[in-house]
C-alpha atoms as a PDB file:
ATOM      1  CA  MET A   1     -30.453 -55.434  10.805  1.00  0.00           C
ATOM      2  CA  ASN A   2     -28.354 -57.569  13.437  1.00  0.00           C
ATOM      3  CA  LYS A   3     -28.107 -61.282  12.152  1.00  0.00           C
ATOM      4  CA  PRO A   4     -27.266 -63.736  14.527  1.00  0.00           C
ATOM      5  CA  PRO A   5     -25.658 -67.004  12.606  1.00  0.00           C
ATOM      6  CA  ASP A   6     -27.204 -68.777   9.752  1.00  0.00           C
ATOM      7  CA  THR A   7     -31.032 -68.290   9.322  1.00  0.00           C
ATOM      8  CA  VAL A   8     -32.282 -66.326  12.162  1.00  0.00           C
ATOM      9  CA  GLU A   9     -32.828 -62.583  11.104  1.00  0.00           C
ATOM     10  CA  ARG A  10     -33.812 -60.373  14.196  1.00  0.00           C
ATOM     11  CA  THR A  11     -33.663 -56.356  15.201  1.00  0.00           C
ATOM     12  CA  GLY A  12     -33.689 -54.530  18.246  1.00  0.00           C
ATOM     13  CA  ASP A  13     -32.206 -55.369  21.599  1.00  0.00           C
ATOM     14  CA  VAL A  14     -33.736 -57.715  23.948  1.00  0.00           C
ATOM     15  CA  ALA A  15     -34.065 -57.451  27.407  1.00  0.00           C
ATOM     16  CA  PRO A  16     -31.543 -59.491  29.469  1.00  0.00           C
ATOM     17  CA  ALA A  17     -32.909 -62.309  31.967  1.00  0.00           C
ATOM     18  CA  ALA A  18     -32.565 -62.249  35.761  1.00  0.00           C
ATOM     19  CA  SER A  19     -29.689 -64.347  36.088  1.00  0.00           C
ATOM     20  CA  SER A  20     -27.021 -65.704  33.448  1.00  0.00           C
ATOM     21  CA  GLU A  21     -28.021 -69.136  34.780  1.00  0.00           C
ATOM     22  CA  PRO A  22     -28.922 -71.577  32.165  1.00  0.00           C
ATOM     23  CA  LEU A  23     -32.941 -71.806  31.680  1.00  0.00           C
ATOM     24  CA  SER A  24     -33.736 -75.241  32.333  1.00  0.00           C
ATOM     25  CA  GLY A  25     -36.575 -77.119  29.460  1.00  0.00           C
ATOM     26  CA  ALA A  26     -36.728 -78.920  26.226  1.00  0.00           C
ATOM     27  CA  ASP A  27     -33.596 -78.723  23.406  1.00  0.00           C
ATOM     28  CA  VAL A  28     -34.625 -76.527  20.705  1.00  0.00           C
ATOM     29  CA  PRO A  29     -37.406 -78.305  18.233  1.00  0.00           C
ATOM     30  CA  ALA A  30     -35.954 -80.578  15.295  1.00  0.00           C
ATOM     31  CA  GLN A  31     -39.288 -79.812  13.763  1.00  0.00           C
ATOM     32  CA  HIS A  32     -39.003 -75.912  13.101  1.00  0.00           C
ATOM     33  CA  PRO A  33     -37.269 -75.010  10.221  1.00  0.00           C
ATOM     34  CA  ALA A  34     -34.630 -72.781  11.965  1.00  0.00           C
ATOM     35  CA  ALA A  35     -34.513 -74.958  14.857  1.00  0.00           C
ATOM     36  CA  ALA A  36     -30.998 -76.528  13.109  1.00  0.00           C
ATOM     37  CA  SER A  37     -29.090 -73.381  13.879  1.00  0.00           C
ATOM     38  CA  ALA A  38     -30.934 -72.170  17.110  1.00  0.00           C
ATOM     39  CA  HIS A  39     -28.154 -73.720  18.853  1.00  0.00           C
ATOM     40  CA  ASP A  40     -25.632 -71.472  17.472  1.00  0.00           C
ATOM     41  CA  LEU A  41     -27.432 -68.269  18.285  1.00  0.00           C
ATOM     42  CA  PRO A  42     -26.237 -65.847  21.027  1.00  0.00           C
ATOM     43  CA  ALA A  43     -26.961 -66.360  24.560  1.00  0.00           C
ATOM     44  CA  ASP A  44     -30.188 -64.190  23.987  1.00  0.00           C
ATOM     45  CA  PRO A  45     -32.554 -64.985  27.044  1.00  0.00           C
ATOM     46  CA  TYR A  46     -35.873 -64.080  24.804  1.00  0.00           C
ATOM     47  CA  ALA A  47     -34.626 -66.613  21.926  1.00  0.00           C
ATOM     48  CA  ARG A  48     -33.606 -69.157  24.190  1.00  0.00           C
ATOM     49  CA  VAL A  49     -36.988 -68.965  26.076  1.00  0.00           C
ATOM     50  CA  CYS A  50     -39.134 -69.037  22.989  1.00  0.00           C
ATOM     51  CA  TRP A  51     -37.309 -71.918  21.432  1.00  0.00           C
ATOM     52  CA  THR A  52     -37.844 -73.688  24.852  1.00  0.00           C
ATOM     53  CA  LEU A  53     -41.426 -73.309  24.388  1.00  0.00           C
ATOM     54  CA  THR A  54     -41.666 -74.205  20.916  1.00  0.00           C
ATOM     55  CA  GLY A  55     -40.402 -77.728  22.047  1.00  0.00           C
ATOM     56  CA  PHE A  56     -43.775 -77.800  23.632  1.00  0.00           C
ATOM     57  CA  ASP A  57     -46.067 -75.881  21.273  1.00  0.00           C
ATOM     58  CA  GLY A  58     -44.488 -75.507  17.556  1.00  0.00           C
ATOM     59  CA  HIS A  59     -46.113 -72.261  17.067  1.00  0.00           C
ATOM     60  CA  LEU A  60     -44.247 -70.249  19.974  1.00  0.00           C
ATOM     61  CA  SER A  61     -41.086 -69.337  17.997  1.00  0.00           C
ATOM     62  CA  PRO A  62     -39.496 -65.931  18.927  1.00  0.00           C
ATOM     63  CA  GLU A  63     -40.935 -64.194  15.580  1.00  0.00           C
ATOM     64  CA  TRP A  64     -44.646 -65.366  16.325  1.00  0.00           C
ATOM     65  CA  VAL A  65     -44.267 -64.394  20.129  1.00  0.00           C
ATOM     66  CA  ASP A  66     -42.831 -61.077  19.120  1.00  0.00           C
ATOM     67  CA  GLY A  67     -45.878 -60.566  16.811  1.00  0.00           C
ATOM     68  CA  TYR A  68     -48.245 -61.454  19.716  1.00  0.00           C
ATOM     69  CA  LEU A  69     -46.330 -59.079  22.199  1.00  0.00           C
ATOM     70  CA  THR A  70     -46.267 -56.274  19.922  1.00  0.00           C
ATOM     71  CA  ALA A  71     -49.900 -56.621  19.674  1.00  0.00           C
ATOM     72  CA  VAL A  72     -50.695 -56.599  23.421  1.00  0.00           C
ATOM     73  CA  ALA A  73     -47.736 -53.340  23.440  1.00  0.00           C
ATOM     74  CA  VAL A  74     -49.746 -51.220  21.172  1.00  0.00           C
ATOM     75  CA  MET A  75     -53.597 -51.643  22.591  1.00  0.00           C
ATOM     76  CA  SER A  76     -54.726 -48.582  24.693  1.00  0.00           C
ATOM     77  CA  ARG A  77     -54.821 -50.657  28.017  1.00  0.00           C
ATOM     78  CA  PRO A  78     -51.593 -51.565  29.226  1.00  0.00           C
ATOM     79  CA  ARG A  79     -51.380 -55.221  30.112  1.00  0.00           C
ATOM     80  CA  THR A  80     -48.659 -56.926  32.057  1.00  0.00           C
ATOM     81  CA  LEU A  81     -47.427 -60.288  31.077  1.00  0.00           C
ATOM     82  CA  ASP A  82     -49.225 -62.293  34.020  1.00  0.00           C
ATOM     83  CA  ALA A  83     -52.361 -61.306  32.765  1.00  0.00           C
ATOM     84  CA  PHE A  84     -52.199 -63.129  29.334  1.00  0.00           C
ATOM     85  CA  LEU A  85     -49.118 -65.361  29.425  1.00  0.00           C
ATOM     86  CA  SER A  86     -51.373 -68.618  29.650  1.00  0.00           C
ATOM     87  CA  LEU A  87     -53.622 -67.124  27.140  1.00  0.00           C
ATOM     88  CA  MET A  88     -50.484 -66.664  24.640  1.00  0.00           C
ATOM     89  CA  CYS A  89     -48.504 -69.984  25.942  1.00  0.00           C
ATOM     90  CA  GLY A  90     -51.524 -72.481  26.924  1.00  0.00           C
ATOM     91  CA  ASP A  91     -49.840 -74.776  29.565  1.00  0.00           C
ATOM     92  CA  ALA A  92     -46.703 -74.831  27.899  1.00  0.00           C
ATOM     93  CA  PHE A  93     -44.699 -72.427  29.847  1.00  0.00           C
ATOM     94  CA  ASP A  94     -45.838 -74.294  32.742  1.00  0.00           C
ATOM     95  CA  ARG A  95     -44.393 -77.367  31.403  1.00  0.00           C
ATOM     96  CA  ALA A  96     -41.289 -75.898  29.603  1.00  0.00           C
ATOM     97  CA  PHE A  97     -40.341 -74.412  33.088  1.00  0.00           C
ATOM     98  CA  ALA A  98     -41.270 -76.456  35.863  1.00  0.00           C
ATOM     99  CA  ASP A  99     -38.748 -75.348  38.323  1.00  0.00           C
ATOM    100  CA  PRO A 100     -39.502 -71.713  40.222  1.00  0.00           C
ATOM    101  CA  THR A 101     -35.889 -70.655  39.487  1.00  0.00           C
ATOM    102  CA  SER A 102     -36.216 -70.992  35.558  1.00  0.00           C
ATOM    103  CA  ALA A 103     -39.618 -69.693  35.330  1.00  0.00           C
ATOM    104  CA  SER A 104     -39.012 -66.490  37.095  1.00  0.00           C
ATOM    105  CA  GLN A 105     -35.750 -66.306  34.469  1.00  0.00           C
ATOM    106  CA  ALA A 106     -38.185 -67.325  31.505  1.00  0.00           C
ATOM    107  CA  PHE A 107     -40.920 -64.606  32.872  1.00  0.00           C
ATOM    108  CA  GLU A 108     -38.580 -61.727  33.094  1.00  0.00           C
ATOM    109  CA  ALA A 109     -37.116 -62.479  29.693  1.00  0.00           C
ATOM    110  CA  LEU A 110     -40.626 -62.396  28.125  1.00  0.00           C
ATOM    111  CA  SER A 111     -41.547 -59.405  30.087  1.00  0.00           C
ATOM    112  CA  GLY A 112     -38.276 -57.421  28.988  1.00  0.00           C
ATOM    113  CA  ARG A 113     -38.961 -57.840  25.956  1.00  0.00           C
ATOM    114  CA  LEU A 114     -42.821 -56.642  26.365  1.00  0.00           C
ATOM    115  CA  GLU A 115     -41.276 -53.602  27.848  1.00  0.00           C
ATOM    116  CA  ALA A 116     -38.650 -53.052  25.100  1.00  0.00           C
ATOM    117  CA  ILE A 117     -41.457 -52.878  22.537  1.00  0.00           C
ATOM    118  CA  ARG A 118     -43.636 -50.320  24.732  1.00  0.00           C
ATOM    119  CA  ALA A 119     -40.248 -48.173  25.165  1.00  0.00           C
ATOM    120  CA  ALA A 120     -39.761 -48.174  21.473  1.00  0.00           C
ATOM    121  CA  LEU A 121     -43.504 -47.175  20.780  1.00  0.00           C
ATOM    122  CA  ASP A 122     -43.328 -44.342  22.937  1.00  0.00           C
ATOM    123  CA  LEU A 123     -46.249 -41.811  22.025  1.00  0.00           C
ATOM    124  CA  ASP A 124     -44.195 -39.054  22.333  1.00  0.00           C
ATOM    125  CA  ALA A 125     -41.462 -39.814  20.272  1.00  0.00           C
ATOM    126  CA  LEU A 126     -44.194 -41.014  17.605  1.00  0.00           C
ATOM    127  CA  ASP A 127     -46.146 -38.032  17.922  1.00  0.00           C
ATOM    128  CA  ARG A 128     -42.884 -36.037  16.932  1.00  0.00           C
ATOM    129  CA  ASP A 129     -41.899 -38.100  14.372  1.00  0.00           C
ATOM    130  CA  PRO A 130     -44.803 -40.337  12.775  1.00  0.00           C
ATOM    131  CA  ASP A 131     -42.623 -41.525   9.536  1.00  0.00           C
ATOM    132  CA  THR A 132     -39.776 -42.864  11.420  1.00  0.00           C
ATOM    133  CA  LEU A 133     -40.102 -46.768  11.887  1.00  0.00           C
ATOM    134  CA  ARG A 134     -39.227 -47.259  15.745  1.00  0.00           C
ATOM    135  CA  LEU A 135     -40.655 -51.017  15.994  1.00  0.00           C
ATOM    136  CA  ASP A 136     -37.722 -52.930  15.973  1.00  0.00           C
ATOM    137  CA  PRO A 137     -39.466 -56.768  15.167  1.00  0.00           C
ATOM    138  CA  TRP A 138     -37.792 -60.038  15.741  1.00  0.00           C
ATOM    139  CA  LEU A 139     -37.897 -61.552  11.914  1.00  0.00           C
ATOM    140  CA  THR A 140     -37.157 -64.901  10.876  1.00  0.00           C
ATOM    141  CA  ALA A 141     -35.414 -65.167   7.458  1.00  0.00           C
ATOM    142  CA  ILE A 142     -35.888 -69.179   6.238  1.00  0.00           C
ATOM    143  CA  ASP A 143     -32.976 -70.537   3.745  1.00  0.00           C
ATOM    144  CA  GLU A 144     -33.664 -72.402   0.965  1.00  0.00           C
ATOM    145  CA  PRO A 145     -31.919 -75.324   2.642  1.00  0.00           C
ATOM    146  CA  ASP A 146     -34.125 -74.796   5.513  1.00  0.00           C
ATOM    147  CA  VAL A 147     -37.304 -74.949   3.236  1.00  0.00           C
ATOM    148  CA  GLN A 148     -36.084 -78.156   1.799  1.00  0.00           C
ATOM    149  CA  THR A 149     -35.256 -79.631   5.189  1.00  0.00           C
ATOM    150  CA  ALA A 150     -38.963 -79.114   6.096  1.00  0.00           C
ATOM    151  CA  HIS A 151     -40.071 -80.507   3.095  1.00  0.00           C
ATOM    152  CA  ASP A 152     -38.247 -83.440   3.845  1.00  0.00           C
ATOM    153  CA  GLY A 153     -39.584 -83.341   7.064  1.00  0.00           C
ATOM    154  CA  ALA A 154     -43.102 -82.650   8.271  1.00  0.00           C
ATOM    155  CA  LEU A 155     -44.369 -80.008   5.784  1.00  0.00           C
ATOM    156  CA  PRO A 156     -45.822 -80.806   2.547  1.00  0.00           C
ATOM    157  CA  ALA A 157     -44.468 -78.575  -0.366  1.00  0.00           C
ATOM    158  CA  ALA A 158     -47.429 -76.783  -0.911  1.00  0.00           C
ATOM    159  CA  ALA A 159     -46.838 -75.118   2.759  1.00  0.00           C
ATOM    160  CA  ASP A 160     -43.662 -73.825   1.990  1.00  0.00           C
ATOM    161  CA  TRP A 161     -45.396 -69.873   1.679  1.00  0.00           C
ATOM    162  CA  THR A 162     -46.050 -70.229   5.735  1.00  0.00           C
ATOM    163  CA  LEU A 163     -41.872 -70.131   6.062  1.00  0.00           C
ATOM    164  CA  LEU A 164     -41.903 -66.649   4.064  1.00  0.00           C
ATOM    165  CA  PRO A 165     -40.573 -63.974   6.337  1.00  0.00           C
ATOM    166  CA  ALA A 166     -42.924 -62.153   8.587  1.00  0.00           C
ATOM    167  CA  GLN A 167     -45.899 -64.627   8.156  1.00  0.00           C
ATOM    168  CA  GLU A 168     -45.473 -65.777  11.659  1.00  0.00           C
ATOM    169  CA  TRP A 169     -44.880 -62.117  13.263  1.00  0.00           C
ATOM    170  CA  CYS A 170     -48.267 -61.469  11.761  1.00  0.00           C
ATOM    171  CA  ASP A 171     -49.843 -64.263  12.421  1.00  0.00           C
ATOM    172  CA  GLY A 172     -48.846 -63.823  16.119  1.00  0.00           C
ATOM    173  CA  PHE A 173     -50.125 -60.212  15.978  1.00  0.00           C
ATOM    174  CA  LEU A 174     -53.654 -61.136  14.509  1.00  0.00           C
ATOM    175  CA  THR A 175     -54.219 -64.369  17.046  1.00  0.00           C
ATOM    176  CA  ALA A 176     -53.364 -61.535  20.102  1.00  0.00           C
ATOM    177  CA  THR A 177     -56.164 -59.234  18.354  1.00  0.00           C
ATOM    178  CA  GLN A 178     -58.265 -62.117  18.534  1.00  0.00           C
ATOM    179  CA  ASP A 179     -57.599 -63.381  21.824  1.00  0.00           C
ATOM    180  CA  PHE A 180     -58.114 -59.347  23.499  1.00  0.00           C
ATOM    181  CA  GLY A 181     -60.968 -58.881  20.834  1.00  0.00           C
ATOM    182  CA  GLU A 182     -62.863 -56.273  23.149  1.00  0.00           C
ATOM    183  CA  ASP A 183     -59.582 -53.568  22.822  1.00  0.00           C
ATOM    184  CA  TRP A 184     -59.582 -54.881  19.096  1.00  0.00           C
ATOM    185  CA  ALA A 185     -63.464 -54.117  18.216  1.00  0.00           C
ATOM    186  CA  PRO A 186     -63.967 -51.671  15.413  1.00  0.00           C
ATOM    187  CA  PRO A 187     -64.210 -48.137  16.083  1.00  0.00           C
ATOM    188  CA  ARG A 188     -68.071 -47.040  15.679  1.00  0.00           C
ATOM    189  CA  ASP A 189     -66.742 -44.196  13.566  1.00  0.00           C
ATOM    190  CA  LYS A 190     -67.292 -45.039  10.128  1.00  0.00           C
ATOM    191  CA  ILE A 191     -63.972 -43.295   8.453  1.00  0.00           C
ATOM    192  CA  ASP A 192     -62.145 -44.800  11.963  1.00  0.00           C
ATOM    193  CA  ALA A 193     -63.353 -48.290  11.160  1.00  0.00           C
ATOM    194  CA  THR A 194     -62.194 -48.089   7.648  1.00  0.00           C
ATOM    195  CA  HIS A 195     -58.979 -46.942   8.357  1.00  0.00           C
ATOM    196  CA  PHE A 196     -58.972 -49.853  11.134  1.00  0.00           C
ATOM    197  CA  ARG A 197     -60.142 -52.670   9.041  1.00  0.00           C
ATOM    198  CA  GLU A 198     -57.196 -51.587   5.921  1.00  0.00           C
ATOM    199  CA  MET A 199     -54.413 -51.339   8.806  1.00  0.00           C
ATOM    200  CA  LEU A 200     -55.332 -54.876   9.953  1.00  0.00           C
ATOM    201  CA  LEU A 201     -55.708 -56.189   6.418  1.00  0.00           C
ATOM    202  CA  THR A 202     -52.163 -54.669   5.698  1.00  0.00           C
ATOM    203  CA  LEU A 203     -50.732 -57.479   8.235  1.00  0.00           C
ATOM    204  CA  GLU A 204     -53.229 -60.197   7.480  1.00  0.00           C
ATOM    205  CA  VAL A 205     -51.978 -60.040   3.956  1.00  0.00           C
ATOM    206  CA  LEU A 206     -48.505 -61.642   4.545  1.00  0.00           C
ATOM    207  CA  THR A 207     -50.329 -64.794   6.542  1.00  0.00           C
ATOM    208  CA  LEU A 208     -51.896 -65.494   3.091  1.00  0.00           C
ATOM    209  CA  ASP A 209     -50.798 -67.824   0.537  1.00  0.00           C
ATOM    210  CA  PRO A 210     -49.751 -65.631  -2.311  1.00  0.00           C
ATOM    211  CA  ALA A 211     -50.689 -67.808  -4.704  1.00  0.00           C
ATOM    212  CA  SER A 212     -54.353 -67.951  -3.328  1.00  0.00           C
ATOM    213  CA  LYS A 213     -57.308 -65.882  -4.636  1.00  0.00           C
ATOM    214  CA  ALA A 214     -57.469 -64.404  -0.929  1.00  0.00           C
ATOM    215  CA  PHE A 215     -53.982 -62.929  -1.472  1.00  0.00           C
ATOM    216  CA  ARG A 216     -54.572 -61.313  -4.655  1.00  0.00           C
ATOM    217  CA  ASP A 217     -58.157 -59.902  -3.285  1.00  0.00           C
ATOM    218  CA  ALA A 218     -56.351 -58.631   0.010  1.00  0.00           C
ATOM    219  CA  ILE A 219     -53.565 -56.513  -2.533  1.00  0.00           C
ATOM    220  CA  LYS A 220     -56.328 -55.214  -4.963  1.00  0.00           C
ATOM    221  CA  ALA A 221     -58.321 -54.273  -1.589  1.00  0.00           C
ATOM    222  CA  LEU A 222     -55.445 -52.270  -0.289  1.00  0.00           C
ATOM    223  CA  GLY A 223     -55.262 -50.547  -3.372  1.00  0.00           C
ATOM    224  CA  HIS A 224     -52.039 -52.118  -5.075  1.00  0.00           C
ATOM    225  CA  ARG A 225     -52.142 -52.266  -9.010  1.00  0.00           C
ATOM    226  CA  LYS A 226     -49.402 -54.720  -8.962  1.00  0.00           C
ATOM    227  CA  THR A 227     -48.279 -57.049  -6.201  1.00  0.00           C
ATOM    228  CA  PRO A 228     -45.324 -55.234  -4.361  1.00  0.00           C
ATOM    229  CA  ASP A 229     -42.384 -57.309  -3.368  1.00  0.00           C
ATOM    230  CA  ARG A 230     -42.312 -59.185  -0.112  1.00  0.00           C
ATOM    231  CA  ASP A 231     -40.077 -56.333   1.752  1.00  0.00           C
ATOM    232  CA  ALA A 232     -42.130 -53.535   0.654  1.00  0.00           C
ATOM    233  CA  LEU A 233     -45.645 -55.592   2.215  1.00  0.00           C
ATOM    234  CA  ILE A 234     -43.783 -56.022   5.155  1.00  0.00           C
ATOM    235  CA  GLY A 235     -42.432 -52.509   5.722  1.00  0.00           C
ATOM    236  CA  ASP A 236     -46.277 -51.676   5.030  1.00  0.00           C
ATOM    237  CA  ALA A 237     -47.201 -54.456   7.728  1.00  0.00           C
ATOM    238  CA  LEU A 238     -44.622 -53.168  10.403  1.00  0.00           C
ATOM    239  CA  PHE A 239     -45.549 -48.922  10.178  1.00  0.00           C
ATOM    240  CA  CYS A 240     -49.470 -50.263  10.474  1.00  0.00           C
ATOM    241  CA  ALA A 241     -48.323 -52.417  13.536  1.00  0.00           C
ATOM    242  CA  GLN A 242     -46.838 -49.274  15.211  1.00  0.00           C
ATOM    243  CA  SER A 243     -49.372 -47.037  14.050  1.00  0.00           C
ATOM    244  CA  PHE A 244     -51.879 -48.953  16.286  1.00  0.00           C
ATOM    245  CA  ARG A 245     -50.512 -47.823  19.171  1.00  0.00           C
ATOM    246  CA  VAL A 246     -51.307 -43.923  18.172  1.00  0.00           C
ATOM    247  CA  PHE A 247     -54.364 -44.752  16.623  1.00  0.00           C
ATOM    248  CA  TRP A 248     -55.595 -46.534  19.997  1.00  0.00           C
ATOM    249  CA  ALA A 249     -54.452 -43.830  21.911  1.00  0.00           C
ATOM    250  CA  VAL A 250     -56.817 -41.444  20.019  1.00  0.00           C
ATOM    251  CA  VAL A 251     -59.957 -43.685  19.061  1.00  0.00           C
ATOM    252  CA  ALA A 252     -60.378 -45.621  22.137  1.00  0.00           C
ATOM    253  CA  PRO A 253     -63.088 -44.915  24.405  1.00  0.00           C
ATOM    254  CA  ARG A 254     -61.809 -42.575  27.295  1.00  0.00           C
ATOM    255  CA  GLY A 255     -64.154 -44.496  30.135  1.00  0.00           C
ATOM    256  CA  THR A 256     -67.811 -44.445  30.821  1.00  0.00           C
ATOM    257  CA  PRO A 257     -69.222 -41.022  30.858  1.00  0.00           C
ATOM    258  CA  ARG A 258     -69.951 -39.756  34.395  1.00  0.00           C
ATOM    259  CA  ARG A 259     -73.740 -38.659  34.737  1.00  0.00           C
ATOM    260  CA  VAL A 260     -73.992 -35.200  36.008  1.00  0.00           C
ATOM    261  CA  GLU A 261     -77.498 -34.400  37.981  1.00  0.00           C
ATOM    262  CA  ALA A 262     -79.261 -31.286  37.130  1.00  0.00           C
ATOM    263  CA  ALA A 263     -78.862 -28.544  39.863  1.00  0.00           C
ATOM    264  CA  PRO A 264     -82.189 -27.666  41.610  1.00  0.00           C
ATOM    265  CA  GLY A 265     -83.579 -24.420  41.359  1.00  0.00           C
ATOM    266  CA  ARG A 266     -83.328 -21.919  43.753  1.00  0.00           C
ATOM    267  CA  ASN A 267     -86.587 -21.938  45.037  1.00  0.00           C
ATOM    268  CA  ASP A 268     -86.970 -25.809  44.853  1.00  0.00           C
ATOM    269  CA  PRO A 269     -86.070 -27.586  48.124  1.00  0.00           C
ATOM    270  CA  CYS A 270     -82.995 -28.169  48.808  1.00  0.00           C
ATOM    271  CA  PRO A 271     -81.815 -31.880  48.230  1.00  0.00           C
ATOM    272  CA  CYS A 272     -80.282 -32.139  51.745  1.00  0.00           C
ATOM    273  CA  GLY A 273     -83.893 -32.781  53.012  1.00  0.00           C
ATOM    274  CA  SER A 274     -83.497 -29.590  55.498  1.00  0.00           C
ATOM    275  CA  GLY A 275     -86.954 -28.422  54.336  1.00  0.00           C
ATOM    276  CA  ARG A 276     -85.375 -25.294  53.427  1.00  0.00           C
ATOM    277  CA  LYS A 277     -85.432 -23.647  49.948  1.00  0.00           C
ATOM    278  CA  PHE A 278     -82.193 -24.757  48.150  1.00  0.00           C
ATOM    279  CA  LYS A 279     -81.427 -20.732  47.922  1.00  0.00           C
ATOM    280  CA  LYS A 280     -81.609 -20.450  51.767  1.00  0.00           C
ATOM    281  CA  CYS A 281     -79.623 -23.663  52.546  1.00  0.00           C
ATOM    282  CA  HIS A 282     -76.804 -25.453  50.307  1.00  0.00           C
ATOM    283  CA  GLY A 283     -77.377 -22.940  47.317  1.00  0.00           C
ATOM    284  CA  ALA A 284     -76.635 -20.014  49.692  1.00  0.00           C
ATOM    285  CA  GLY A 285     -73.154 -19.726  48.542  1.00  0.00           C
END
């Protein structure tokens, strides 16, 4: 994994912006626990866009947005960014990037990240080598000083579990599954539906308070006799997110079946209306 300075850990390449000119918008929000080091990030267009968005909507961090984009990328029906940008960002994008130039650059950065995720999850490559993790997520690692800063500021001590690695990424992914409910409806086949729910639960468990009954129930439902460490749970979740790409390609409906009318009998009247028998008219061939 590549590790930019201080608290932010990410993997994978991010598409470059259309221009090297700085993006306009708000400063990195002080309320986010990783914000103190965000100014030290490499000049990464995707990261700059997301940190700018966070100033207008606190949950739109690079990690949360990356999870959301991944859920869109694995769906069976492709979506372009313009089809769901307002769904993902609300009005934060328009407020953060008010002028056309900065809006265009920000759009290109987000769209580029979406396409990079799709390219990584190529169906042929996944089919050839299903046991290799090709998904390369943006994950934010929160250091203890950042947790303490958050406690001293906006977050109560009881909420420190929300800063655990991959919590935001999985929350973004699951939010997209709710926003695109039609695309994420459980399959009708019972075996497929059971597998579907298990994969979603593998992501959901990382959004739960590890001290809660819901977390313990989820761990038990996933068949674990004892709680795996966080890294193992993250690995399982990423494999499930990646597996949804193949799952939907196989399980998703292929379209509405076309109704084929029965052909008339040879001695029936020809449907063309000629008055002749079918065998003497259009059925002659």
